[in-house]
C-alpha atoms as a PDB file:
ATOM      1  CA  MET A   1       0.000   0.000   0.000  1.00  0.00           C
ATOM      2  CA  GLN A   2       3.048   2.187  -0.057  1.00  0.00           C
ATOM      3  CA  GLY A   3       2.735   5.080  -2.492  1.00  0.00           C
ATOM      4  CA  MET A   4      -1.070   4.972  -2.550  1.00  0.00           C
ATOM      5  CA  PRO A   5      -2.947   8.258  -2.094  1.00  0.00           C
ATOM      6  CA  ARG A   6      -4.048   8.638   1.526  1.00  0.00           C
ATOM      7  CA  ASN A   7      -6.477  10.851   3.378  1.00  0.00           C
ATOM      8  CA  ALA A   8      -5.681  12.998   6.438  1.00  0.00           C
ATOM      9  CA  ARG A   9      -5.926   9.975   8.738  1.00  0.00           C
ATOM     10  CA  GLY A  10      -3.509   7.942   6.625  1.00  0.00           C
ATOM     11  CA  THR A  11      -6.157   5.604   5.239  1.00  0.00           C
ATOM     12  CA  PRO A  12      -5.675   4.574   1.582  1.00  0.00           C
ATOM     13  CA  ALA A  13      -8.093   6.520  -0.631  1.00  0.00           C
ATOM     14  CA  GLY A  14      -9.328   3.291  -2.261  1.00  0.00           C
ATOM     15  CA  ALA A  15     -10.348   1.889   1.113  1.00  0.00           C
ATOM     16  CA  ILE A  16     -12.611   4.873   1.697  1.00  0.00           C
ATOM     17  CA  ARG A  17     -14.222   4.415  -1.724  1.00  0.00           C
ATOM     18  CA  ALA A  18     -14.700   0.688  -1.058  1.00  0.00           C
ATOM     19  CA  ALA A  19     -16.345   1.348   2.310  1.00  0.00           C
ATOM     20  CA  PHE A  20     -18.617   3.917   0.695  1.00  0.00           C
ATOM     21  CA  VAL A  21     -19.699   1.482  -1.998  1.00  0.00           C
ATOM     22  CA  VAL A  22     -20.521  -1.250   0.499  1.00  0.00           C
ATOM     23  CA  THR A  23     -22.620   0.981   2.716  1.00  0.00           C
ATOM     24  CA  ALA A  24     -24.295   3.291   0.238  1.00  0.00           C
ATOM     25  CA  LEU A  25     -24.203   2.232  -3.380  1.00  0.00           C
ATOM     26  CA  ILE A  26     -26.086  -1.044  -3.358  1.00  0.00           C
ATOM     27  CA  ALA A  27     -28.076  -0.889  -0.127  1.00  0.00           C
ATOM     28  CA  SER A  28     -29.566   2.559  -0.540  1.00  0.00           C
ATOM     29  CA  GLY A  29     -28.450   3.704  -3.954  1.00  0.00           C
ATOM     30  CA  SER A  30     -28.959   7.333  -3.018  1.00  0.00           C
ATOM     31  CA  ALA A  31     -25.945   8.966  -1.340  1.00  0.00           C
ATOM     32  CA  LEU A  32     -23.328   9.539  -4.024  1.00  0.00           C
ATOM     33  CA  PRO A  33     -20.395  11.938  -4.087  1.00  0.00           C
ATOM     34  CA  PRO A  34     -20.648  14.778  -6.653  1.00  0.00           C
ATOM     35  CA  SER A  35     -17.759  13.407  -8.750  1.00  0.00           C
ATOM     36  CA  LEU A  36     -19.529  10.067  -9.155  1.00  0.00           C
ATOM     37  CA  ARG A  37     -22.823  11.815  -9.953  1.00  0.00           C
ATOM     38  CA  THR A  38     -21.052  13.690 -12.771  1.00  0.00           C
ATOM     39  CA  VAL A  39     -19.669  10.482 -14.289  1.00  0.00           C
ATOM     40  CA  ILE A  40     -23.068   8.811 -13.966  1.00  0.00           C
ATOM     41  CA  ALA A  41     -24.701  11.719 -15.789  1.00  0.00           C
ATOM     42  CA  GLN A  42     -22.218  11.248 -18.627  1.00  0.00           C
ATOM     43  CA  THR A  43     -22.881   7.483 -18.853  1.00  0.00           C
ATOM     44  CA  GLN A  44     -26.680   7.566 -18.604  1.00  0.00           C
ATOM     45  CA  SER A  45     -27.118   7.151 -22.341  1.00  0.00           C
ATOM     46  CA  VAL A  46     -24.666   4.235 -22.444  1.00  0.00           C
ATOM     47  CA  VAL A  47     -26.406   1.639 -20.288  1.00  0.00           C
ATOM     48  CA  ARG A  48     -26.093  -2.015 -21.154  1.00  0.00           C
ATOM     49  CA  GLU A  49     -29.695  -3.157 -21.248  1.00  0.00           C
ATOM     50  CA  ASP A  50     -28.674  -6.819 -20.934  1.00  0.00           C
ATOM     51  CA  LEU A  51     -27.246  -6.036 -17.496  1.00  0.00           C
ATOM     52  CA  VAL A  52     -30.325  -4.033 -16.488  1.00  0.00           C
ATOM     53  CA  LYS A  53     -32.475  -7.074 -17.334  1.00  0.00           C
ATOM     54  CA  LYS A  54     -30.229  -9.359 -15.246  1.00  0.00           C
ATOM     55  CA  LEU A  55     -30.655  -7.130 -12.184  1.00  0.00           C
ATOM     56  CA  THR A  56     -34.353  -6.295 -12.557  1.00  0.00           C
ATOM     57  CA  GLY A  57     -36.309  -8.314 -10.009  1.00  0.00           C
ATOM     58  CA  LYS A  58     -33.217  -9.411  -8.065  1.00  0.00           C
ATOM     59  CA  LYS A  59     -33.066  -8.710  -4.342  1.00  0.00           C
ATOM     60  CA  LEU A  60     -30.523  -5.892  -4.499  1.00  0.00           C
ATOM     61  CA  ARG A  61     -32.199  -3.309  -2.323  1.00  0.00           C
ATOM     62  CA  VAL A  62     -33.148  -3.213   1.328  1.00  0.00           C
ATOM     63  CA  ASP A  63     -36.688  -2.205   2.212  1.00  0.00           C
ATOM     64  CA  LYS A  64     -36.491   0.825   4.515  1.00  0.00           C
ATOM     65  CA  GLN A  65     -39.445  -0.267   6.681  1.00  0.00           C
ATOM     66  CA  THR A  66     -38.737  -3.973   7.094  1.00  0.00           C
ATOM     67  CA  GLY A  67     -34.957  -4.051   6.669  1.00  0.00           C
ATOM     68  CA  LYS A  68     -35.390  -7.096   4.404  1.00  0.00           C
ATOM     69  CA  PRO A  69     -33.993  -7.503   0.888  1.00  0.00           C
ATOM     70  CA  ARG A  70     -36.425  -6.527  -1.843  1.00  0.00           C
ATOM     71  CA  ALA A  71     -36.495  -6.854  -5.601  1.00  0.00           C
ATOM     72  CA  ALA A  72     -35.075  -3.998  -7.634  1.00  0.00           C
ATOM     73  CA  THR A  73     -37.339  -2.264 -10.110  1.00  0.00           C
ATOM     74  CA  GLU A  74     -36.155  -1.764 -13.677  1.00  0.00           C
ATOM     75  CA  ALA A  75     -35.365   1.883 -12.885  1.00  0.00           C
ATOM     76  CA  GLU A  76     -33.333   0.871  -9.816  1.00  0.00           C
ATOM     77  CA  ALA A  77     -31.512  -1.801 -11.822  1.00  0.00           C
ATOM     78  CA  ARG A  78     -30.685   0.801 -14.497  1.00  0.00           C
ATOM     79  CA  GLU A  79     -29.428   3.194 -11.812  1.00  0.00           C
ATOM     80  CA  THR A  80     -27.257   0.440 -10.299  1.00  0.00           C
ATOM     81  CA  VAL A  81     -25.734  -0.382 -13.698  1.00  0.00           C
ATOM     82  CA  GLN A  82     -25.054   3.332 -14.263  1.00  0.00           C
ATOM     83  CA  GLN A  83     -23.394   3.651 -10.847  1.00  0.00           C
ATOM     84  CA  LEU A  84     -21.265   0.562 -11.384  1.00  0.00           C
ATOM     85  CA  THR A  85     -20.302   1.709 -14.898  1.00  0.00           C
ATOM     86  CA  ALA A  86     -19.106   5.018 -13.520  1.00  0.00           C
ATOM     87  CA  LEU A  87     -17.344   3.436 -10.567  1.00  0.00           C
ATOM     88  CA  LEU A  88     -15.451   0.881 -12.659  1.00  0.00           C
ATOM     89  CA  ALA A  89     -14.622   3.194 -15.573  1.00  0.00           C
ATOM     90  CA  ARG A  90     -10.940   3.456 -16.359  1.00  0.00           C
ATOM     91  CA  PRO A  91      -9.219   6.516 -17.797  1.00  0.00           C
ATOM     92  CA  THR A  92      -8.759   6.484 -21.563  1.00  0.00           C
ATOM     93  CA  ALA A  93      -5.604   8.607 -21.596  1.00  0.00           C
ATOM     94  CA  ALA A  94      -2.168   7.342 -20.645  1.00  0.00           C
ATOM     95  CA  PRO A  95      -1.092   7.991 -17.049  1.00  0.00           C
ATOM     96  CA  GLN A  96       0.685  11.240 -16.297  1.00  0.00           C
ATOM     97  CA  VAL A  97       4.454  10.600 -16.100  1.00  0.00           C
ATOM     98  CA  THR A  98       7.003  12.826 -14.373  1.00  0.00           C
ATOM     99  CA  TYR A  99      10.714  12.485 -14.999  1.00  0.00           C
ATOM    100  CA  ARG A 100      12.870  13.610 -12.084  1.00  0.00           C
ATOM    101  CA  ARG A 101      16.424  14.939 -12.321  1.00  0.00           C
ATOM    102  CA  ASP A 102      17.774  11.915 -10.465  1.00  0.00           C
ATOM    103  CA  GLY A 103      16.438   9.617 -13.205  1.00  0.00           C
ATOM    104  CA  THR A 104      13.380   8.466 -11.289  1.00  0.00           C
ATOM    105  CA  VAL A 105      10.242   8.081 -13.337  1.00  0.00           C
ATOM    106  CA  VAL A 106       6.977   8.630 -11.455  1.00  0.00           C
ATOM    107  CA  ALA A 107       3.621   7.737 -12.968  1.00  0.00           C
ATOM    108  CA  ASN A 108       0.290   8.775 -11.481  1.00  0.00           C
ATOM    109  CA  VAL A 109      -1.771   5.610 -11.918  1.00  0.00           C
ATOM    110  CA  GLU A 110      -4.757   6.719  -9.852  1.00  0.00           C
ATOM    111  CA  GLY A 111      -7.854   5.273 -11.463  1.00  0.00           C
ATOM    112  CA  TYR A 112      -5.983   2.698 -13.550  1.00  0.00           C
ATOM    113  CA  PHE A 113      -6.342  -0.124 -11.067  1.00  0.00           C
ATOM    114  CA  ASP A 114      -9.860   0.574  -9.874  1.00  0.00           C
ATOM    115  CA  ARG A 115     -11.691  -2.094  -8.016  1.00  0.00           C
ATOM    116  CA  ALA A 116     -14.946  -1.736  -6.154  1.00  0.00           C
ATOM    117  CA  VAL A 117     -16.287  -3.607  -3.172  1.00  0.00           C
ATOM    118  CA  ILE A 118     -19.966  -4.242  -3.711  1.00  0.00           C
ATOM    119  CA  ALA A 119     -22.544  -5.873  -1.480  1.00  0.00           C
ATOM    120  CA  ARG A 120     -25.739  -7.811  -1.863  1.00  0.00           C
ATOM    121  CA  PRO A 121     -28.167  -8.150   1.038  1.00  0.00           C
ATOM    122  CA  ARG A 122     -28.890 -11.475   2.705  1.00  0.00           C
ATOM    123  CA  ALA A 123     -32.240 -12.449   4.183  1.00  0.00           C
ATOM    124  CA  ASN A 124     -30.761 -12.377   7.719  1.00  0.00           C
ATOM    125  CA  GLY A 125     -29.898  -8.664   7.462  1.00  0.00           C
ATOM    126  CA  THR A 126     -26.193  -9.068   6.739  1.00  0.00           C
ATOM    127  CA  PHE A 127     -24.413  -8.430   3.451  1.00  0.00           C
ATOM    128  CA  GLU A 128     -22.224 -10.546   1.216  1.00  0.00           C
ATOM    129  CA  THR A 129     -19.393  -8.560  -0.325  1.00  0.00           C
ATOM    130  CA  ARG A 130     -17.132  -8.999  -3.317  1.00  0.00           C
ATOM    131  CA  CYS A 131     -14.283  -6.981  -4.777  1.00  0.00           C
ATOM    132  CA  VAL A 132     -14.815  -6.632  -8.530  1.00  0.00           C
ATOM    133  CA  SER A 133     -12.949  -5.000 -11.369  1.00  0.00           C
ATOM    134  CA  THR A 134     -15.417  -5.340 -14.227  1.00  0.00           C
ATOM    135  CA  LEU A 135     -19.045  -4.462 -14.774  1.00  0.00           C
ATOM    136  CA  ASP A 136     -19.854  -8.024 -15.838  1.00  0.00           C
ATOM    137  CA  ASP A 137     -18.347  -9.468 -12.629  1.00  0.00           C
ATOM    138  CA  ALA A 138     -20.300  -6.963 -10.546  1.00  0.00           C
ATOM    139  CA  VAL A 139     -23.617  -7.803 -12.205  1.00  0.00           C
ATOM    140  CA  ALA A 140     -22.941 -11.551 -12.041  1.00  0.00           C
ATOM    141  CA  PHE A 141     -22.406 -11.274  -8.289  1.00  0.00           C
ATOM    142  CA  LEU A 142     -25.388  -8.990  -7.652  1.00  0.00           C
ATOM    143  CA  SER A 143     -27.724 -11.111  -9.764  1.00  0.00           C
ATOM    144  CA  GLY A 144     -26.685 -14.306  -7.996  1.00  0.00           C
ATOM    145  CA  GLU A 145     -24.983 -15.839 -11.038  1.00  0.00           C
ATOM    146  CA  SER A 146     -21.719 -16.086  -9.104  1.00  0.00           C
ATOM    147  CA  VAL A 147     -21.688 -17.553  -5.618  1.00  0.00           C
ATOM    148  CA  ALA A 148     -20.301 -15.767  -2.605  1.00  0.00           C
ATOM    149  CA  LEU A 149     -16.675 -16.549  -1.800  1.00  0.00           C
ATOM    150  CA  GLU A 150     -17.578 -18.394   1.396  1.00  0.00           C
ATOM    151  CA  GLU A 151     -19.874 -20.709  -0.589  1.00  0.00           C
ATOM    152  CA  ARG A 152     -17.115 -21.894  -2.935  1.00  0.00           C
END
């Protein structure tokens, strides 16, 4: 973890994003940082409908009154695919490289190794989590096509 961007408390920046995704993205789907909202707005017209269909009707959300998993509507499934698309998007440009006088080459690779920790609710009120790097892996896990790690 050496060389990773850190916050004021010394926590790796990716760990904060992963914790955010687990607690907010899948369970509530509402509290998103402005930077992620901007990327989502840009990707709204590029939604893979096959993935929306896989998630529609799956128990991705938690009912606010009962605390139990509930089926996602088509609109919620579309929103989840948009959020995951934005979260797992990789930069298209080459990383910024700095050449130092001592011959050291430093590359800023932030965003090039993005992973996201996602969660799906269980009937007992807990969550199963998985670290994913692709949209297809994320949807396979959320839709139940791939088993949880502890079930392997």
